[in-house]
Amino acid sequence: MRPFSARTAYDAPIADVAAMMSDREFVEHKVAASKPTTSRVDVNVAADGAFTIDTTRALPTDHLPAAAQRLVGRTIEIALIERWGPAADDGSRQGTIDLRVVGKPASASGTATMKPAGAGTVLVYDGTVEAKVPLIGGKLEEQAVQQVQTVLELERSVGAAWLASH
């Protein structure tokens, strides 16, 4: 297991960021930005404002090192569930993330925090990545941790553009 910690920020109030993140159209847009070969999106919002985002996407692996490509194939199917609780008095939210690589011995899980930061919003993700592959599991975990920040930067960029246009 390898720990990860990632942070991203938006120049928008927390209520706007939470509304964006729980908007099915936005979730479909951010998933499409990752250029999947196939994808599925499900967003559920509870009466108390808590929400769950459940996505699955098949991504090409041509950007991965050759050893990883041999292990996972030409595409990798990622299933991600984000669960966000209702807003606290200050708008902050606590959540969890669960990611699994479909059909492979790899997963990630952790906590998520959304909190106000001045006029903006900060999202913090902390957790662990695990690849149960003899000999090369540690290297795969290291690459996965690096990818977490890359994915968050893409989502921040897509989110910032979304917030500016909505």
N, C-alpha and C. Protein backbone atom coordinates (compact mmCIF):
# COMPACT_ATOMS: atom_id res chain seq x y z
N MET A 1 0.84 -1.18 0.00
CA MET A 1 0.00 0.00 0.00
C MET A 1 0.87 1.24 0.00
N ARG A 2 0.43 2.23 -0.75
CA ARG A 2 1.17 3.48 -0.82
C ARG A 2 0.20 4.63 -0.53
N PRO A 3 0.53 5.49 0.41
CA PRO A 3 -0.37 6.60 0.72
C PRO A 3 -0.34 7.67 -0.37
N PHE A 4 -1.44 8.41 -0.48
CA PHE A 4 -1.46 9.58 -1.35
C PHE A 4 -2.19 10.70 -0.64
N SER A 5 -1.84 11.91 -1.00
CA SER A 5 -2.51 13.11 -0.52
C SER A 5 -2.52 14.09 -1.67
N ALA A 6 -3.68 14.57 -2.02
CA ALA A 6 -3.81 15.49 -3.15
C ALA A 6 -4.75 16.62 -2.76
N ARG A 7 -4.49 17.77 -3.34
CA ARG A 7 -5.26 18.97 -3.01
C ARG A 7 -5.55 19.72 -4.30
N THR A 8 -6.74 20.25 -4.40
CA THR A 8 -7.08 21.11 -5.52
C THR A 8 -7.96 22.24 -5.00
N ALA A 9 -7.92 23.37 -5.69
CA ALA A 9 -8.66 24.55 -5.22
C ALA A 9 -9.44 25.18 -6.37
N TYR A 10 -10.56 25.79 -6.01
CA TYR A 10 -11.39 26.53 -6.96
C TYR A 10 -11.60 27.94 -6.45
N ASP A 11 -11.63 28.90 -7.36
CA ASP A 11 -11.92 30.29 -7.01
C ASP A 11 -13.42 30.51 -7.08
N ALA A 12 -14.15 29.74 -6.32
CA ALA A 12 -15.62 29.85 -6.30
C ALA A 12 -16.10 29.44 -4.91
N PRO A 13 -17.24 29.98 -4.49
CA PRO A 13 -17.80 29.63 -3.18
C PRO A 13 -18.10 28.13 -3.09
N ILE A 14 -18.04 27.61 -1.89
CA ILE A 14 -18.22 26.18 -1.68
C ILE A 14 -19.59 25.68 -2.15
N ALA A 15 -20.63 26.48 -2.01
CA ALA A 15 -21.96 26.05 -2.47
C ALA A 15 -21.96 25.84 -3.98
N ASP A 16 -21.26 26.71 -4.72
CA ASP A 16 -21.18 26.57 -6.17
C ASP A 16 -20.38 25.33 -6.56
N VAL A 17 -19.29 25.06 -5.84
CA VAL A 17 -18.47 23.89 -6.14
C VAL A 17 -19.24 22.61 -5.85
N ALA A 18 -19.93 22.56 -4.72
CA ALA A 18 -20.73 21.38 -4.38
C ALA A 18 -21.84 21.16 -5.41
N ALA A 19 -22.49 22.25 -5.83
CA ALA A 19 -23.55 22.14 -6.84
C ALA A 19 -22.98 21.60 -8.15
N MET A 20 -21.80 22.10 -8.53
CA MET A 20 -21.15 21.62 -9.76
C MET A 20 -20.84 20.14 -9.64
N MET A 21 -20.22 19.75 -8.55
CA MET A 21 -19.78 18.36 -8.39
C MET A 21 -20.95 17.38 -8.37
N SER A 22 -22.12 17.83 -7.96
CA SER A 22 -23.29 16.95 -7.89
C SER A 22 -24.20 17.09 -9.12
N ASP A 23 -23.74 17.82 -10.11
CA ASP A 23 -24.50 18.03 -11.35
C ASP A 23 -24.11 16.94 -12.36
N ARG A 24 -25.08 16.14 -12.75
CA ARG A 24 -24.80 15.03 -13.68
C ARG A 24 -24.15 15.51 -14.97
N GLU A 25 -24.61 16.64 -15.49
CA GLU A 25 -24.04 17.17 -16.73
C GLU A 25 -22.55 17.48 -16.55
N PHE A 26 -22.19 18.07 -15.42
CA PHE A 26 -20.77 18.34 -15.16
C PHE A 26 -19.98 17.04 -15.05
N VAL A 27 -20.51 16.08 -14.31
CA VAL A 27 -19.79 14.81 -14.13
C VAL A 27 -19.57 14.14 -15.50
N GLU A 28 -20.59 14.14 -16.35
CA GLU A 28 -20.42 13.59 -17.69
C GLU A 28 -19.34 14.35 -18.46
N HIS A 29 -19.32 15.67 -18.30
CA HIS A 29 -18.33 16.52 -18.98
C HIS A 29 -16.91 16.21 -18.50
N LYS A 30 -16.73 16.07 -17.18
CA LYS A 30 -15.37 15.82 -16.67
C LYS A 30 -14.90 14.40 -17.03
N VAL A 31 -15.82 13.44 -17.04
CA VAL A 31 -15.45 12.09 -17.46
C VAL A 31 -15.05 12.11 -18.93
N ALA A 32 -15.80 12.81 -19.76
CA ALA A 32 -15.48 12.89 -21.19
C ALA A 32 -14.11 13.54 -21.41
N ALA A 33 -13.72 14.46 -20.54
CA ALA A 33 -12.42 15.14 -20.68
C ALA A 33 -11.25 14.17 -20.51
N SER A 34 -11.49 13.04 -19.84
CA SER A 34 -10.42 12.05 -19.67
C SER A 34 -10.28 11.15 -20.90
N LYS A 35 -11.10 11.40 -21.92
CA LYS A 35 -11.07 10.68 -23.20
C LYS A 35 -11.23 9.16 -23.06
N PRO A 36 -12.30 8.74 -22.39
CA PRO A 36 -12.52 7.29 -22.26
C PRO A 36 -13.02 6.69 -23.58
N THR A 37 -12.78 5.40 -23.73
CA THR A 37 -13.35 4.71 -24.89
C THR A 37 -14.81 4.38 -24.63
N THR A 38 -15.16 4.14 -23.37
CA THR A 38 -16.55 3.97 -22.93
C THR A 38 -16.66 4.55 -21.52
N SER A 39 -17.87 4.92 -21.13
CA SER A 39 -18.06 5.44 -19.77
C SER A 39 -19.51 5.29 -19.34
N ARG A 40 -19.70 5.37 -18.03
CA ARG A 40 -21.02 5.33 -17.40
C ARG A 40 -20.99 6.30 -16.23
N VAL A 41 -22.05 7.07 -16.06
CA VAL A 41 -22.13 8.06 -14.99
C VAL A 41 -23.47 7.91 -14.28
N ASP A 42 -23.42 7.92 -12.95
CA ASP A 42 -24.63 7.92 -12.14
C ASP A 42 -24.41 8.90 -10.99
N VAL A 43 -25.33 9.83 -10.82
CA VAL A 43 -25.25 10.82 -9.74
C VAL A 43 -26.55 10.78 -8.97
N ASN A 44 -26.46 10.61 -7.66
CA ASN A 44 -27.64 10.61 -6.80
C ASN A 44 -27.48 11.67 -5.72
N VAL A 45 -28.50 12.52 -5.58
CA VAL A 45 -28.50 13.57 -4.57
C VAL A 45 -29.64 13.27 -3.60
N ALA A 46 -29.30 13.20 -2.31
CA ALA A 46 -30.30 12.91 -1.27
C ALA A 46 -31.01 14.19 -0.85
N ALA A 47 -32.11 14.02 -0.13
CA ALA A 47 -32.89 15.16 0.33
C ALA A 47 -32.09 16.09 1.24
N ASP A 48 -31.12 15.55 1.98
CA ASP A 48 -30.31 16.38 2.89
C ASP A 48 -29.11 17.04 2.19
N GLY A 49 -28.99 16.85 0.87
CA GLY A 49 -27.90 17.45 0.11
C GLY A 49 -26.68 16.57 -0.06
N ALA A 50 -26.65 15.43 0.65
CA ALA A 50 -25.55 14.48 0.44
C ALA A 50 -25.65 13.96 -0.99
N PHE A 51 -24.52 13.61 -1.58
CA PHE A 51 -24.57 13.09 -2.95
C PHE A 51 -23.51 12.02 -3.18
N THR A 52 -23.82 11.16 -4.13
CA THR A 52 -22.93 10.07 -4.53
C THR A 52 -22.72 10.16 -6.03
N ILE A 53 -21.45 10.06 -6.42
CA ILE A 53 -21.07 10.06 -7.82
C ILE A 53 -20.44 8.70 -8.11
N ASP A 54 -21.02 7.97 -9.05
CA ASP A 54 -20.56 6.63 -9.39
C ASP A 54 -20.22 6.63 -10.87
N THR A 55 -18.95 6.50 -11.20
CA THR A 55 -18.53 6.52 -12.60
C THR A 55 -17.69 5.29 -12.92
N THR A 56 -17.79 4.86 -14.15
CA THR A 56 -16.92 3.83 -14.69
C THR A 56 -16.46 4.33 -16.05
N ARG A 57 -15.16 4.19 -16.30
CA ARG A 57 -14.63 4.60 -17.59
C ARG A 57 -13.51 3.67 -18.02
N ALA A 58 -13.47 3.38 -19.31
CA ALA A 58 -12.38 2.59 -19.89
C ALA A 58 -11.44 3.58 -20.55
N LEU A 59 -10.19 3.56 -20.11
CA LEU A 59 -9.20 4.51 -20.61
C LEU A 59 -8.10 3.80 -21.38
N PRO A 60 -7.63 4.41 -22.47
CA PRO A 60 -6.50 3.83 -23.18
C PRO A 60 -5.25 3.85 -22.29
N THR A 61 -4.39 2.88 -22.47
CA THR A 61 -3.18 2.78 -21.62
C THR A 61 -1.91 3.15 -22.37
N ASP A 62 -2.04 3.76 -23.56
CA ASP A 62 -0.85 4.05 -24.35
C ASP A 62 0.12 5.03 -23.69
N HIS A 63 -0.31 5.74 -22.66
CA HIS A 63 0.58 6.66 -21.93
C HIS A 63 1.33 5.96 -20.79
N LEU A 64 0.97 4.72 -20.49
CA LEU A 64 1.62 3.99 -19.40
C LEU A 64 2.91 3.33 -19.87
N PRO A 65 3.83 3.06 -18.94
CA PRO A 65 5.04 2.33 -19.31
C PRO A 65 4.68 0.94 -19.87
N ALA A 66 5.57 0.41 -20.69
CA ALA A 66 5.32 -0.87 -21.36
C ALA A 66 4.98 -1.99 -20.38
N ALA A 67 5.67 -2.05 -19.25
CA ALA A 67 5.40 -3.11 -18.26
C ALA A 67 3.97 -3.02 -17.75
N ALA A 68 3.49 -1.82 -17.51
CA ALA A 68 2.11 -1.65 -17.03
C ALA A 68 1.12 -2.01 -18.13
N GLN A 69 1.43 -1.64 -19.36
CA GLN A 69 0.54 -1.98 -20.48
C GLN A 69 0.41 -3.50 -20.63
N ARG A 70 1.51 -4.22 -20.47
CA ARG A 70 1.45 -5.69 -20.57
C ARG A 70 0.55 -6.27 -19.48
N LEU A 71 0.55 -5.64 -18.32
CA LEU A 71 -0.24 -6.14 -17.20
C LEU A 71 -1.73 -5.84 -17.38
N VAL A 72 -2.07 -4.64 -17.82
CA VAL A 72 -3.47 -4.24 -17.86
C VAL A 72 -4.11 -4.31 -19.23
N GLY A 73 -3.32 -4.34 -20.30
CA GLY A 73 -3.89 -4.40 -21.63
C GLY A 73 -3.98 -3.04 -22.30
N ARG A 74 -4.72 -2.98 -23.41
CA ARG A 74 -4.82 -1.74 -24.20
C ARG A 74 -5.71 -0.69 -23.55
N THR A 75 -6.61 -1.14 -22.69
CA THR A 75 -7.45 -0.20 -21.93
C THR A 75 -7.50 -0.67 -20.49
N ILE A 76 -7.84 0.28 -19.63
CA ILE A 76 -7.99 -0.03 -18.21
C ILE A 76 -9.34 0.53 -17.78
N GLU A 77 -10.14 -0.31 -17.14
CA GLU A 77 -11.46 0.12 -16.71
C GLU A 77 -11.41 0.53 -15.24
N ILE A 78 -11.77 1.77 -14.99
CA ILE A 78 -11.71 2.36 -13.65
C ILE A 78 -13.13 2.61 -13.14
N ALA A 79 -13.44 2.09 -11.98
CA ALA A 79 -14.73 2.34 -11.32
C ALA A 79 -14.45 3.20 -10.10
N LEU A 80 -15.10 4.36 -10.02
CA LEU A 80 -14.87 5.30 -8.92
C LEU A 80 -16.20 5.69 -8.30
N ILE A 81 -16.25 5.59 -6.98
CA ILE A 81 -17.43 6.05 -6.24
C ILE A 81 -16.97 7.11 -5.25
N GLU A 82 -17.56 8.31 -5.38
CA GLU A 82 -17.34 9.40 -4.42
C GLU A 82 -18.63 9.58 -3.65
N ARG A 83 -18.51 9.56 -2.34
CA ARG A 83 -19.68 9.79 -1.48
C ARG A 83 -19.43 11.05 -0.66
N TRP A 84 -20.30 12.03 -0.79
CA TRP A 84 -20.17 13.29 -0.06
C TRP A 84 -21.34 13.46 0.89
N GLY A 85 -21.05 13.79 2.14
CA GLY A 85 -22.09 14.01 3.14
C GLY A 85 -22.76 15.36 2.95
N PRO A 86 -23.79 15.62 3.74
CA PRO A 86 -24.46 16.91 3.66
C PRO A 86 -23.54 18.03 4.14
N ALA A 87 -23.88 19.23 3.76
CA ALA A 87 -23.07 20.40 4.14
C ALA A 87 -23.20 20.70 5.63
N ALA A 88 -22.07 21.03 6.25
CA ALA A 88 -22.06 21.53 7.62
C ALA A 88 -22.48 23.00 7.59
N ASP A 89 -22.56 23.64 8.74
CA ASP A 89 -23.00 25.03 8.80
C ASP A 89 -22.14 25.97 7.94
N ASP A 90 -20.84 25.68 7.85
CA ASP A 90 -19.95 26.54 7.04
C ASP A 90 -19.88 26.09 5.58
N GLY A 91 -20.68 25.09 5.21
CA GLY A 91 -20.70 24.59 3.84
C GLY A 91 -19.75 23.43 3.60
N SER A 92 -18.85 23.16 4.54
CA SER A 92 -17.87 22.09 4.33
C SER A 92 -18.58 20.73 4.28
N ARG A 93 -17.90 19.79 3.64
CA ARG A 93 -18.43 18.43 3.51
C ARG A 93 -17.31 17.43 3.70
N GLN A 94 -17.69 16.27 4.21
CA GLN A 94 -16.77 15.15 4.36
C GLN A 94 -17.23 14.06 3.41
N GLY A 95 -16.26 13.33 2.87
CA GLY A 95 -16.63 12.28 1.95
C GLY A 95 -15.64 11.14 1.94
N THR A 96 -15.93 10.17 1.11
CA THR A 96 -15.03 9.03 0.90
C THR A 96 -14.90 8.79 -0.58
N ILE A 97 -13.78 8.16 -0.95
CA ILE A 97 -13.57 7.75 -2.33
C ILE A 97 -13.17 6.28 -2.34
N ASP A 98 -13.71 5.56 -3.29
CA ASP A 98 -13.37 4.16 -3.49
C ASP A 98 -13.17 3.95 -4.99
N LEU A 99 -11.98 3.51 -5.36
CA LEU A 99 -11.64 3.28 -6.74
C LEU A 99 -11.16 1.85 -6.89
N ARG A 100 -11.59 1.21 -7.96
CA ARG A 100 -11.06 -0.12 -8.25
C ARG A 100 -10.80 -0.21 -9.75
N VAL A 101 -9.77 -0.97 -10.07
CA VAL A 101 -9.46 -1.27 -11.45
C VAL A 101 -10.20 -2.58 -11.74
N VAL A 102 -11.21 -2.51 -12.59
CA VAL A 102 -12.09 -3.64 -12.84
C VAL A 102 -11.28 -4.81 -13.42
N GLY A 103 -11.40 -5.96 -12.75
CA GLY A 103 -10.75 -7.17 -13.21
C GLY A 103 -9.26 -7.27 -12.90
N LYS A 104 -8.74 -6.31 -12.16
CA LYS A 104 -7.31 -6.31 -11.81
C LYS A 104 -7.16 -6.17 -10.30
N PRO A 105 -6.04 -6.62 -9.75
CA PRO A 105 -5.84 -6.54 -8.29
C PRO A 105 -5.29 -5.18 -7.86
N ALA A 106 -6.03 -4.12 -8.19
CA ALA A 106 -5.58 -2.78 -7.84
C ALA A 106 -6.77 -1.95 -7.38
N SER A 107 -6.54 -1.12 -6.36
CA SER A 107 -7.61 -0.29 -5.83
C SER A 107 -7.03 0.91 -5.08
N ALA A 108 -7.89 1.84 -4.77
CA ALA A 108 -7.53 2.99 -3.94
C ALA A 108 -8.75 3.36 -3.12
N SER A 109 -8.51 3.87 -1.93
CA SER A 109 -9.61 4.34 -1.09
C SER A 109 -9.10 5.42 -0.18
N GLY A 110 -10.02 6.24 0.29
CA GLY A 110 -9.60 7.30 1.19
C GLY A 110 -10.74 8.22 1.57
N THR A 111 -10.33 9.35 2.11
CA THR A 111 -11.28 10.36 2.56
C THR A 111 -11.17 11.59 1.66
N ALA A 112 -12.23 12.36 1.66
CA ALA A 112 -12.27 13.59 0.88
C ALA A 112 -12.87 14.68 1.77
N THR A 113 -12.32 15.85 1.66
CA THR A 113 -12.81 17.00 2.42
C THR A 113 -13.00 18.17 1.47
N MET A 114 -14.13 18.81 1.56
CA MET A 114 -14.42 20.03 0.80
C MET A 114 -14.62 21.12 1.85
N LYS A 115 -13.83 22.18 1.75
CA LYS A 115 -13.95 23.23 2.77
C LYS A 115 -13.76 24.61 2.16
N PRO A 116 -14.40 25.61 2.78
CA PRO A 116 -14.22 26.97 2.28
C PRO A 116 -12.80 27.44 2.58
N ALA A 117 -12.27 28.26 1.66
CA ALA A 117 -10.94 28.85 1.83
C ALA A 117 -11.04 30.29 1.33
N GLY A 118 -11.32 31.20 2.24
CA GLY A 118 -11.56 32.58 1.83
C GLY A 118 -12.81 32.62 0.96
N ALA A 119 -12.70 33.23 -0.23
CA ALA A 119 -13.83 33.27 -1.16
C ALA A 119 -13.89 32.02 -2.03
N GLY A 120 -12.93 31.12 -1.87
CA GLY A 120 -12.85 29.93 -2.71
C GLY A 120 -13.15 28.65 -1.95
N THR A 121 -12.75 27.55 -2.56
CA THR A 121 -13.01 26.21 -2.01
C THR A 121 -11.79 25.34 -2.23
N VAL A 122 -11.47 24.52 -1.23
CA VAL A 122 -10.36 23.58 -1.32
C VAL A 122 -10.91 22.17 -1.16
N LEU A 123 -10.42 21.27 -2.01
CA LEU A 123 -10.74 19.85 -1.90
C LEU A 123 -9.45 19.12 -1.54
N VAL A 124 -9.51 18.26 -0.52
CA VAL A 124 -8.34 17.49 -0.10
C VAL A 124 -8.72 16.01 -0.10
N TYR A 125 -7.87 15.22 -0.73
CA TYR A 125 -8.06 13.77 -0.81
C TYR A 125 -6.87 13.09 -0.16
N ASP A 126 -7.12 12.20 0.78
CA ASP A 126 -6.08 11.42 1.45
C ASP A 126 -6.49 9.95 1.42
N GLY A 127 -5.54 9.09 1.11
CA GLY A 127 -5.88 7.67 1.08
C GLY A 127 -4.70 6.80 0.76
N THR A 128 -5.00 5.60 0.30
CA THR A 128 -3.96 4.65 -0.06
C THR A 128 -4.30 4.00 -1.40
N VAL A 129 -3.24 3.62 -2.11
CA VAL A 129 -3.34 2.90 -3.37
C VAL A 129 -2.72 1.54 -3.12
N GLU A 130 -3.34 0.49 -3.63
CA GLU A 130 -2.79 -0.84 -3.46
C GLU A 130 -2.87 -1.61 -4.78
N ALA A 131 -1.73 -2.17 -5.18
CA ALA A 131 -1.66 -3.04 -6.36
C ALA A 131 -1.06 -4.37 -5.89
N LYS A 132 -1.89 -5.39 -5.86
CA LYS A 132 -1.44 -6.70 -5.37
C LYS A 132 -0.85 -7.51 -6.51
N VAL A 133 0.32 -7.07 -6.96
CA VAL A 133 1.01 -7.72 -8.06
C VAL A 133 2.43 -8.03 -7.59
N PRO A 134 2.80 -9.30 -7.55
CA PRO A 134 4.15 -9.64 -7.10
C PRO A 134 5.23 -8.92 -7.91
N LEU A 135 6.27 -8.52 -7.24
CA LEU A 135 7.46 -7.88 -7.79
C LEU A 135 7.26 -6.45 -8.29
N ILE A 136 6.18 -6.17 -9.01
CA ILE A 136 6.04 -4.82 -9.57
C ILE A 136 4.91 -4.01 -8.95
N GLY A 137 4.23 -4.56 -7.94
CA GLY A 137 3.12 -3.85 -7.31
C GLY A 137 3.51 -2.49 -6.77
N GLY A 138 4.68 -2.41 -6.14
CA GLY A 138 5.14 -1.14 -5.57
C GLY A 138 5.35 -0.09 -6.64
N LYS A 139 5.90 -0.47 -7.77
CA LYS A 139 6.13 0.48 -8.87
C LYS A 139 4.79 0.94 -9.45
N LEU A 140 3.84 0.01 -9.58
CA LEU A 140 2.52 0.38 -10.08
C LEU A 140 1.83 1.35 -9.11
N GLU A 141 1.97 1.10 -7.81
CA GLU A 141 1.38 2.01 -6.82
C GLU A 141 1.99 3.39 -6.94
N GLU A 142 3.30 3.46 -7.12
CA GLU A 142 3.99 4.75 -7.26
C GLU A 142 3.45 5.51 -8.47
N GLN A 143 3.29 4.83 -9.59
CA GLN A 143 2.75 5.47 -10.79
C GLN A 143 1.30 5.91 -10.58
N ALA A 144 0.54 5.11 -9.86
CA ALA A 144 -0.86 5.46 -9.59
C ALA A 144 -0.95 6.72 -8.75
N VAL A 145 -0.09 6.85 -7.75
CA VAL A 145 -0.09 8.05 -6.90
C VAL A 145 0.22 9.28 -7.75
N GLN A 146 1.16 9.17 -8.68
CA GLN A 146 1.48 10.29 -9.57
C GLN A 146 0.29 10.64 -10.45
N GLN A 147 -0.46 9.63 -10.87
CA GLN A 147 -1.61 9.87 -11.73
C GLN A 147 -2.75 10.57 -10.99
N VAL A 148 -2.84 10.37 -9.67
CA VAL A 148 -3.89 11.02 -8.89
C VAL A 148 -3.80 12.54 -9.08
N GLN A 149 -2.62 13.10 -8.96
CA GLN A 149 -2.45 14.55 -9.11
C GLN A 149 -2.74 15.00 -10.54
N THR A 150 -2.35 14.19 -11.52
CA THR A 150 -2.62 14.53 -12.92
C THR A 150 -4.12 14.57 -13.18
N VAL A 151 -4.84 13.58 -12.67
CA VAL A 151 -6.29 13.53 -12.85
C VAL A 151 -6.96 14.71 -12.15
N LEU A 152 -6.51 15.02 -10.94
CA LEU A 152 -7.11 16.15 -10.21
C LEU A 152 -6.86 17.47 -10.94
N GLU A 153 -5.71 17.62 -11.53
CA GLU A 153 -5.43 18.86 -12.28
C GLU A 153 -6.35 18.97 -13.49
N LEU A 154 -6.58 17.86 -14.19
CA LEU A 154 -7.51 17.87 -15.31
C LEU A 154 -8.91 18.23 -14.82
N GLU A 155 -9.35 17.61 -13.73
CA GLU A 155 -10.68 17.89 -13.20
C GLU A 155 -10.79 19.33 -12.70
N ARG A 156 -9.72 19.87 -12.10
CA ARG A 156 -9.74 21.26 -11.65
C ARG A 156 -9.89 22.20 -12.85
N SER A 157 -9.15 21.91 -13.91
CA SER A 157 -9.22 22.74 -15.11
C SER A 157 -10.62 22.70 -15.73
N VAL A 158 -11.17 21.50 -15.85
CA VAL A 158 -12.53 21.35 -16.39
C VAL A 158 -13.53 22.04 -15.45
N GLY A 159 -13.35 21.87 -14.15
CA GLY A 159 -14.26 22.48 -13.18
C GLY A 159 -14.19 24.01 -13.20
N ALA A 160 -12.99 24.56 -13.29
CA ALA A 160 -12.82 26.02 -13.31
C ALA A 160 -13.52 26.60 -14.55
N ALA A 161 -13.37 25.95 -15.70
CA ALA A 161 -14.04 26.41 -16.91
C ALA A 161 -15.55 26.30 -16.75
N TRP A 162 -16.01 25.21 -16.14
CA TRP A 162 -17.45 25.02 -15.93
C TRP A 162 -18.01 26.13 -15.04
N LEU A 163 -17.32 26.39 -13.93
CA LEU A 163 -17.80 27.42 -12.99
C LEU A 163 -17.82 28.79 -13.66
N ALA A 164 -16.85 29.08 -14.51
CA ALA A 164 -16.79 30.38 -15.18
C ALA A 164 -17.93 30.54 -16.20
N SER A 165 -18.42 29.43 -16.74
CA SER A 165 -19.45 29.52 -17.78
C SER A 165 -20.88 29.26 -17.28
N HIS A 166 -21.03 28.93 -16.01
CA HIS A 166 -22.37 28.63 -15.49
C HIS A 166 -22.77 29.58 -14.38
